[in-house]
PDB file of all heavy atoms in Angstrom:
ATOM      1  N   VAL A   1      15.841   6.537  12.472  1.00  0.00           N
ATOM      2  CA  VAL A   1      15.291   5.357  11.832  1.00  0.00           C
ATOM      3  C   VAL A   1      16.382   4.510  11.199  1.00  0.00           C
ATOM      4  O   VAL A   1      16.436   3.297  11.395  1.00  0.00           O
ATOM      5  CB  VAL A   1      14.247   5.749  10.771  1.00  0.00           C
ATOM      6  CG1 VAL A   1      13.745   4.519  10.019  1.00  0.00           C
ATOM      7  CG2 VAL A   1      13.086   6.486  11.423  1.00  0.00           C
ATOM      8  N   ALA A   2      17.258   5.146  10.422  1.00  0.00           N
ATOM      9  CA  ALA A   2      18.276   4.410   9.693  1.00  0.00           C
ATOM     10  C   ALA A   2      19.417   5.332   9.320  1.00  0.00           C
ATOM     11  O   ALA A   2      19.220   6.527   9.108  1.00  0.00           O
ATOM     12  CB  ALA A   2      17.699   3.770   8.425  1.00  0.00           C
ATOM     13  N   THR A   3      20.614   4.767   9.230  1.00  0.00           N
ATOM     14  CA  THR A   3      21.813   5.504   8.860  1.00  0.00           C
ATOM     15  C   THR A   3      22.617   4.687   7.862  1.00  0.00           C
ATOM     16  O   THR A   3      22.684   3.459   7.970  1.00  0.00           O
ATOM     17  CB  THR A   3      22.684   5.805  10.095  1.00  0.00           C
ATOM     18  OG1 THR A   3      21.974   6.663  10.985  1.00  0.00           O
ATOM     19  CG2 THR A   3      23.990   6.491   9.692  1.00  0.00           C
ATOM     20  N   ILE A   4      23.233   5.375   6.921  1.00  0.00           N
ATOM     21  CA  ILE A   4      24.168   4.743   6.007  1.00  0.00           C
ATOM     22  C   ILE A   4      25.437   5.579   5.979  1.00  0.00           C
ATOM     23  O   ILE A   4      25.386   6.798   5.869  1.00  0.00           O
ATOM     24  CB  ILE A   4      23.562   4.555   4.600  1.00  0.00           C
ATOM     25  CG1 ILE A   4      24.522   3.778   3.699  1.00  0.00           C
ATOM     26  CG2 ILE A   4      23.167   5.892   3.983  1.00  0.00           C
ATOM     27  CD1 ILE A   4      23.858   3.250   2.435  1.00  0.00           C
ATOM     28  N   THR A   5      26.583   4.926   6.081  1.00  0.00           N
ATOM     29  CA  THR A   5      27.855   5.620   6.190  1.00  0.00           C
ATOM     30  C   THR A   5      28.365   6.067   4.835  1.00  0.00           C
ATOM     31  O   THR A   5      27.831   5.695   3.787  1.00  0.00           O
ATOM     32  CB  THR A   5      28.905   4.734   6.874  1.00  0.00           C
ATOM     33  OG1 THR A   5      29.118   3.553   6.104  1.00  0.00           O
ATOM     34  CG2 THR A   5      28.451   4.347   8.272  1.00  0.00           C
ATOM     35  N   THR A   6      29.436   6.840   4.867  1.00  0.00           N
ATOM     36  CA  THR A   6      29.962   7.441   3.647  1.00  0.00           C
ATOM     37  C   THR A   6      30.753   6.471   2.794  1.00  0.00           C
ATOM     38  O   THR A   6      30.603   6.455   1.571  1.00  0.00           O
ATOM     39  CB  THR A   6      30.860   8.637   3.982  1.00  0.00           C
ATOM     40  OG1 THR A   6      31.919   8.211   4.851  1.00  0.00           O
ATOM     41  CG2 THR A   6      30.065   9.739   4.663  1.00  0.00           C
ATOM     42  N   THR A   7      31.615   5.696   3.411  1.00  0.00           N
ATOM     43  CA  THR A   7      32.574   4.890   2.668  1.00  0.00           C
ATOM     44  C   THR A   7      32.139   3.446   2.489  1.00  0.00           C
ATOM     45  O   THR A   7      31.959   2.982   1.359  1.00  0.00           O
ATOM     46  CB  THR A   7      33.951   4.922   3.356  1.00  0.00           C
ATOM     47  OG1 THR A   7      33.823   4.528   4.718  1.00  0.00           O
ATOM     48  CG2 THR A   7      34.528   6.331   3.300  1.00  0.00           C
ATOM     49  N   SER A   8      31.988   2.753   3.570  1.00  0.00           N
ATOM     50  CA  SER A   8      31.657   1.338   3.491  1.00  0.00           C
ATOM     51  C   SER A   8      30.214   1.087   3.092  1.00  0.00           C
ATOM     52  O   SER A   8      29.883  -0.005   2.625  1.00  0.00           O
ATOM     53  CB  SER A   8      31.942   0.656   4.821  1.00  0.00           C
ATOM     54  OG  SER A   8      31.062   1.115   5.828  1.00  0.00           O
ATOM     55  N   GLY A   9      29.372   2.074   3.290  1.00  0.00           N
ATOM     56  CA  GLY A   9      27.966   1.886   3.035  1.00  0.00           C
ATOM     57  C   GLY A   9      27.275   1.022   4.063  1.00  0.00           C
ATOM     58  O   GLY A   9      26.175   0.522   3.809  1.00  0.00           O
ATOM     59  N   SER A  10      27.910   0.849   5.200  1.00  0.00           N
ATOM     60  CA  SER A  10      27.277   0.076   6.254  1.00  0.00           C
ATOM     61  C   SER A  10      26.040   0.802   6.759  1.00  0.00           C
ATOM     62  O   SER A  10      25.962   2.035   6.726  1.00  0.00           O
ATOM     63  CB  SER A  10      28.254  -0.196   7.391  1.00  0.00           C
ATOM     64  OG  SER A  10      28.663   1.013   8.004  1.00  0.00           O
ATOM     65  N   THR A  11      25.096   0.029   7.227  1.00  0.00           N
ATOM     66  CA  THR A  11      23.810   0.575   7.629  1.00  0.00           C
ATOM     67  C   THR A  11      23.483   0.190   9.059  1.00  0.00           C
ATOM     68  O   THR A  11      23.961  -0.819   9.583  1.00  0.00           O
ATOM     69  CB  THR A  11      22.692   0.081   6.708  1.00  0.00           C
ATOM     70  OG1 THR A  11      22.660  -1.351   6.723  1.00  0.00           O
ATOM     71  CG2 THR A  11      22.928   0.560   5.278  1.00  0.00           C
ATOM     72  N   ASN A  12      22.663   1.004   9.673  1.00  0.00           N
ATOM     73  CA  ASN A  12      22.141   0.736  11.001  1.00  0.00           C
ATOM     74  C   ASN A  12      20.681   1.131  11.031  1.00  0.00           C
ATOM     75  O   ASN A  12      20.272   2.102  10.388  1.00  0.00           O
ATOM     76  CB  ASN A  12      22.922   1.504  12.067  1.00  0.00           C
ATOM     77  CG  ASN A  12      24.320   0.971  12.280  1.00  0.00           C
ATOM     78  OD1 ASN A  12      24.517  -0.042  12.930  1.00  0.00           O
ATOM     79  ND2 ASN A  12      25.301   1.655  11.708  1.00  0.00           N
ATOM     80  N   TYR A  13      19.909   0.381  11.801  1.00  0.00           N
ATOM     81  CA  TYR A  13      18.474   0.584  11.848  1.00  0.00           C
ATOM     82  C   TYR A  13      17.973   0.575  13.281  1.00  0.00           C
ATOM     83  O   TYR A  13      18.509  -0.127  14.142  1.00  0.00           O
ATOM     84  CB  TYR A  13      17.738  -0.508  11.074  1.00  0.00           C
ATOM     85  CG  TYR A  13      18.094  -0.563   9.616  1.00  0.00           C
ATOM     86  CD1 TYR A  13      19.106  -1.389   9.162  1.00  0.00           C
ATOM     87  CD2 TYR A  13      17.405   0.214   8.693  1.00  0.00           C
ATOM     88  CE1 TYR A  13      19.439  -1.442   7.824  1.00  0.00           C
ATOM     89  CE2 TYR A  13      17.730   0.169   7.350  1.00  0.00           C
ATOM     90  CZ  TYR A  13      18.749  -0.662   6.918  1.00  0.00           C
ATOM     91  OH  TYR A  13      19.064  -0.706   5.583  1.00  0.00           O
ATOM     92  N   ALA A  14      16.927   1.345  13.506  1.00  0.00           N
ATOM     93  CA  ALA A  14      16.212   1.227  14.755  1.00  0.00           C
ATOM     94  C   ALA A  14      15.585  -0.156  14.850  1.00  0.00           C
ATOM     95  O   ALA A  14      15.172  -0.740  13.844  1.00  0.00           O
ATOM     96  CB  ALA A  14      15.134   2.301  14.855  1.00  0.00           C
ATOM     97  N   ASP A  15      15.510  -0.676  16.060  1.00  0.00           N
ATOM     98  CA  ASP A  15      14.941  -2.003  16.243  1.00  0.00           C
ATOM     99  C   ASP A  15      13.525  -2.101  15.688  1.00  0.00           C
ATOM    100  O   ASP A  15      13.118  -3.155  15.189  1.00  0.00           O
ATOM    101  CB  ASP A  15      14.936  -2.378  17.722  1.00  0.00           C
ATOM    102  CG  ASP A  15      16.321  -2.677  18.258  1.00  0.00           C
ATOM    103  OD1 ASP A  15      17.236  -2.935  17.452  1.00  0.00           O
ATOM    104  OD2 ASP A  15      16.490  -2.666  19.488  1.00  0.00           O
ATOM    105  N   SER A  16      12.796  -1.012  15.764  1.00  0.00           N
ATOM    106  CA  SER A  16      11.406  -1.023  15.350  1.00  0.00           C
ATOM    107  C   SER A  16      11.219  -1.212  13.849  1.00  0.00           C
ATOM    108  O   SER A  16      10.118  -1.560  13.408  1.00  0.00           O
ATOM    109  CB  SER A  16      10.718   0.267  15.794  1.00  0.00           C
ATOM    110  OG  SER A  16      11.360   1.394  15.239  1.00  0.00           O
ATOM    111  N   VAL A  17      12.270  -0.982  13.062  1.00  0.00           N
ATOM    112  CA  VAL A  17      12.139  -1.082  11.614  1.00  0.00           C
ATOM    113  C   VAL A  17      13.037  -2.145  11.004  1.00  0.00           C
ATOM    114  O   VAL A  17      12.974  -2.366   9.782  1.00  0.00           O
ATOM    115  CB  VAL A  17      12.403   0.271  10.924  1.00  0.00           C
ATOM    116  CG1 VAL A  17      11.525   1.360  11.520  1.00  0.00           C
ATOM    117  CG2 VAL A  17      13.876   0.658  11.017  1.00  0.00           C
ATOM    118  N   LYS A  18      13.850  -2.804  11.798  1.00  0.00           N
ATOM    119  CA  LYS A  18      14.739  -3.831  11.275  1.00  0.00           C
ATOM    120  C   LYS A  18      13.949  -4.921  10.566  1.00  0.00           C
ATOM    121  O   LYS A  18      12.937  -5.401  11.064  1.00  0.00           O
ATOM    122  CB  LYS A  18      15.574  -4.442  12.397  1.00  0.00           C
ATOM    123  CG  LYS A  18      16.702  -3.560  12.880  1.00  0.00           C
ATOM    124  CD  LYS A  18      17.501  -4.242  13.982  1.00  0.00           C
ATOM    125  CE  LYS A  18      18.633  -3.359  14.459  1.00  0.00           C
ATOM    126  NZ  LYS A  18      19.385  -3.967  15.580  1.00  0.00           N
ATOM    127  N   GLY A  19      14.430  -5.286   9.404  1.00  0.00           N
ATOM    128  CA  GLY A  19      13.775  -6.305   8.613  1.00  0.00           C
ATOM    129  C   GLY A  19      12.670  -5.783   7.735  1.00  0.00           C
ATOM    130  O   GLY A  19      12.173  -6.521   6.871  1.00  0.00           O
ATOM    131  N   ARG A  20      12.283  -4.524   7.930  1.00  0.00           N
ATOM    132  CA  ARG A  20      11.202  -3.951   7.138  1.00  0.00           C
ATOM    133  C   ARG A  20      11.666  -2.787   6.267  1.00  0.00           C
ATOM    134  O   ARG A  20      11.167  -2.599   5.161  1.00  0.00           O
ATOM    135  CB  ARG A  20      10.071  -3.466   8.040  1.00  0.00           C
ATOM    136  CG  ARG A  20       9.435  -4.571   8.872  1.00  0.00           C
ATOM    137  CD  ARG A  20       8.178  -4.082   9.591  1.00  0.00           C
ATOM    138  NE  ARG A  20       8.468  -3.007  10.538  1.00  0.00           N
ATOM    139  CZ  ARG A  20       7.960  -1.781  10.449  1.00  0.00           C
ATOM    140  NH1 ARG A  20       7.122  -1.461   9.467  1.00  0.00           N
ATOM    141  NH2 ARG A  20       8.267  -0.862  11.364  1.00  0.00           N
ATOM    142  N   PHE A  21      12.610  -2.001   6.791  1.00  0.00           N
ATOM    143  CA  PHE A  21      13.105  -0.825   6.077  1.00  0.00           C
ATOM    144  C   PHE A  21      14.516  -1.080   5.574  1.00  0.00           C
ATOM    145  O   PHE A  21      15.280  -1.848   6.174  1.00  0.00           O
ATOM    146  CB  PHE A  21      13.132   0.398   6.987  1.00  0.00           C
ATOM    147  CG  PHE A  21      11.788   0.940   7.383  1.00  0.00           C
ATOM    148  CD1 PHE A  21      10.614   0.258   7.120  1.00  0.00           C
ATOM    149  CD2 PHE A  21      11.712   2.156   8.044  1.00  0.00           C
ATOM    150  CE1 PHE A  21       9.383   0.763   7.496  1.00  0.00           C
ATOM    151  CE2 PHE A  21      10.492   2.685   8.424  1.00  0.00           C
ATOM    152  CZ  PHE A  21       9.327   1.987   8.153  1.00  0.00           C
ATOM    153  N   ALA A  22      14.878  -0.408   4.502  1.00  0.00           N
ATOM    154  CA  ALA A  22      16.229  -0.488   3.961  1.00  0.00           C
ATOM    155  C   ALA A  22      16.665   0.877   3.464  1.00  0.00           C
ATOM    156  O   ALA A  22      15.969   1.502   2.660  1.00  0.00           O
ATOM    157  CB  ALA A  22      16.316  -1.514   2.839  1.00  0.00           C
ATOM    158  N   ILE A  23      17.800   1.333   3.955  1.00  0.00           N
ATOM    159  CA  ILE A  23      18.370   2.591   3.502  1.00  0.00           C
ATOM    160  C   ILE A  23      19.441   2.302   2.461  1.00  0.00           C
ATOM    161  O   ILE A  23      20.174   1.318   2.568  1.00  0.00           O
ATOM    162  CB  ILE A  23      18.939   3.399   4.682  1.00  0.00           C
ATOM    163  CG1 ILE A  23      19.355   4.806   4.233  1.00  0.00           C
ATOM    164  CG2 ILE A  23      20.098   2.676   5.349  1.00  0.00           C
ATOM    165  CD1 ILE A  23      19.728   5.731   5.386  1.00  0.00           C
ATOM    166  N   SER A  24      19.522   3.144   1.450  1.00  0.00           N
ATOM    167  CA  SER A  24      20.535   3.008   0.424  1.00  0.00           C
ATOM    168  C   SER A  24      20.893   4.387  -0.097  1.00  0.00           C
ATOM    169  O   SER A  24      20.190   5.368   0.165  1.00  0.00           O
ATOM    170  CB  SER A  24      20.058   2.097  -0.715  1.00  0.00           C
ATOM    171  OG  SER A  24      18.918   2.645  -1.348  1.00  0.00           O
ATOM    172  N   ARG A  25      21.996   4.461  -0.823  1.00  0.00           N
ATOM    173  CA  ARG A  25      22.398   5.741  -1.384  1.00  0.00           C
ATOM    174  C   ARG A  25      22.980   5.552  -2.767  1.00  0.00           C
ATOM    175  O   ARG A  25      23.558   4.509  -3.090  1.00  0.00           O
ATOM    176  CB  ARG A  25      23.404   6.458  -0.466  1.00  0.00           C
ATOM    177  CG  ARG A  25      24.759   5.769  -0.343  1.00  0.00           C
ATOM    178  CD  ARG A  25      25.576   6.376   0.796  1.00  0.00           C
ATOM    179  NE  ARG A  25      25.911   7.769   0.540  1.00  0.00           N
ATOM    180  CZ  ARG A  25      26.297   8.640   1.477  1.00  0.00           C
ATOM    181  NH1 ARG A  25      26.362   8.249   2.746  1.00  0.00           N
ATOM    182  NH2 ARG A  25      26.591   9.890   1.142  1.00  0.00           N
ATOM    183  N   ASP A  26      22.821   6.567  -3.582  1.00  0.00           N
ATOM    184  CA  ASP A  26      23.397   6.614  -4.910  1.00  0.00           C
ATOM    185  C   ASP A  26      24.204   7.903  -4.974  1.00  0.00           C
ATOM    186  O   ASP A  26      23.649   8.983  -5.183  1.00  0.00           O
ATOM    187  CB  ASP A  26      22.311   6.584  -5.977  1.00  0.00           C
ATOM    188  CG  ASP A  26      22.868   6.482  -7.379  1.00  0.00           C
ATOM    189  OD1 ASP A  26      24.043   6.821  -7.596  1.00  0.00           O
ATOM    190  OD2 ASP A  26      22.120   6.059  -8.274  1.00  0.00           O
ATOM    191  N   ASN A  27      25.501   7.782  -4.769  1.00  0.00           N
ATOM    192  CA  ASN A  27      26.337   8.973  -4.720  1.00  0.00           C
ATOM    193  C   ASN A  27      26.391   9.706  -6.059  1.00  0.00           C
ATOM    194  O   ASN A  27      26.575  10.922  -6.090  1.00  0.00           O
ATOM    195  CB  ASN A  27      27.750   8.602  -4.262  1.00  0.00           C
ATOM    196  CG  ASN A  27      27.816   8.256  -2.791  1.00  0.00           C
ATOM    197  OD1 ASN A  27      26.903   8.561  -2.024  1.00  0.00           O
ATOM    198  ND2 ASN A  27      28.900   7.609  -2.384  1.00  0.00           N
ATOM    199  N   ALA A  28      26.247   8.985  -7.146  1.00  0.00           N
ATOM    200  CA  ALA A  28      26.237   9.626  -8.456  1.00  0.00           C
ATOM    201  C   ALA A  28      25.033  10.528  -8.630  1.00  0.00           C
ATOM    202  O   ALA A  28      25.082  11.498  -9.388  1.00  0.00           O
ATOM    203  CB  ALA A  28      26.286   8.576  -9.556  1.00  0.00           C
ATOM    204  N   LYS A  29      23.951  10.206  -7.955  1.00  0.00           N
ATOM    205  CA  LYS A  29      22.734  11.002  -8.036  1.00  0.00           C
ATOM    206  C   LYS A  29      22.527  11.887  -6.818  1.00  0.00           C
ATOM    207  O   LYS A  29      21.507  12.574  -6.724  1.00  0.00           O
ATOM    208  CB  LYS A  29      21.525  10.094  -8.219  1.00  0.00           C
ATOM    209  CG  LYS A  29      21.543   9.302  -9.510  1.00  0.00           C
ATOM    210  CD  LYS A  29      20.266   8.488  -9.662  1.00  0.00           C
ATOM    211  CE  LYS A  29      20.295   7.669 -10.941  1.00  0.00           C
ATOM    212  NZ  LYS A  29      20.336   8.542 -12.145  1.00  0.00           N
ATOM    213  N   ASN A  30      23.464  11.858  -5.886  1.00  0.00           N
ATOM    214  CA  ASN A  30      23.353  12.647  -4.656  1.00  0.00           C
ATOM    215  C   ASN A  30      22.024  12.396  -3.956  1.00  0.00           C
ATOM    216  O   ASN A  30      21.364  13.325  -3.477  1.00  0.00           O
ATOM    217  CB  ASN A  30      23.519  14.138  -4.953  1.00  0.00           C
ATOM    218  CG  ASN A  30      24.941  14.522  -5.307  1.00  0.00           C
ATOM    219  OD1 ASN A  30      25.856  13.699  -5.296  1.00  0.00           O
ATOM    220  ND2 ASN A  30      25.141  15.794  -5.625  1.00  0.00           N
ATOM    221  N   THR A  31      21.659  11.147  -3.875  1.00  0.00           N
ATOM    222  CA  THR A  31      20.348  10.791  -3.361  1.00  0.00           C
ATOM    223  C   THR A  31      20.446   9.629  -2.383  1.00  0.00           C
ATOM    224  O   THR A  31      21.188   8.667  -2.617  1.00  0.00           O
ATOM    225  CB  THR A  31      19.391  10.427  -4.502  1.00  0.00           C
ATOM    226  OG1 THR A  31      19.267  11.539  -5.389  1.00  0.00           O
ATOM    227  CG2 THR A  31      18.007  10.084  -3.969  1.00  0.00           C
ATOM    228  N   VAL A  32      19.692   9.736  -1.307  1.00  0.00           N
ATOM    229  CA  VAL A  32      19.546   8.652  -0.358  1.00  0.00           C
ATOM    230  C   VAL A  32      18.087   8.215  -0.363  1.00  0.00           C
ATOM    231  O   VAL A  32      17.179   9.034  -0.550  1.00  0.00           O
ATOM    232  CB  VAL A  32      20.012   9.066   1.059  1.00  0.00           C
ATOM    233  CG1 VAL A  32      19.149  10.192   1.616  1.00  0.00           C
ATOM    234  CG2 VAL A  32      20.029   7.869   1.995  1.00  0.00           C
TER     235      VAL A  32
END
């Protein structure tokens, strides 16, 4: 569905969810 990288925080999405879903991460909280 979606991926977020370790360093740059760049994201990628499946075409079916683009514009609707957003992935994010909070490294301080160890949470995506």
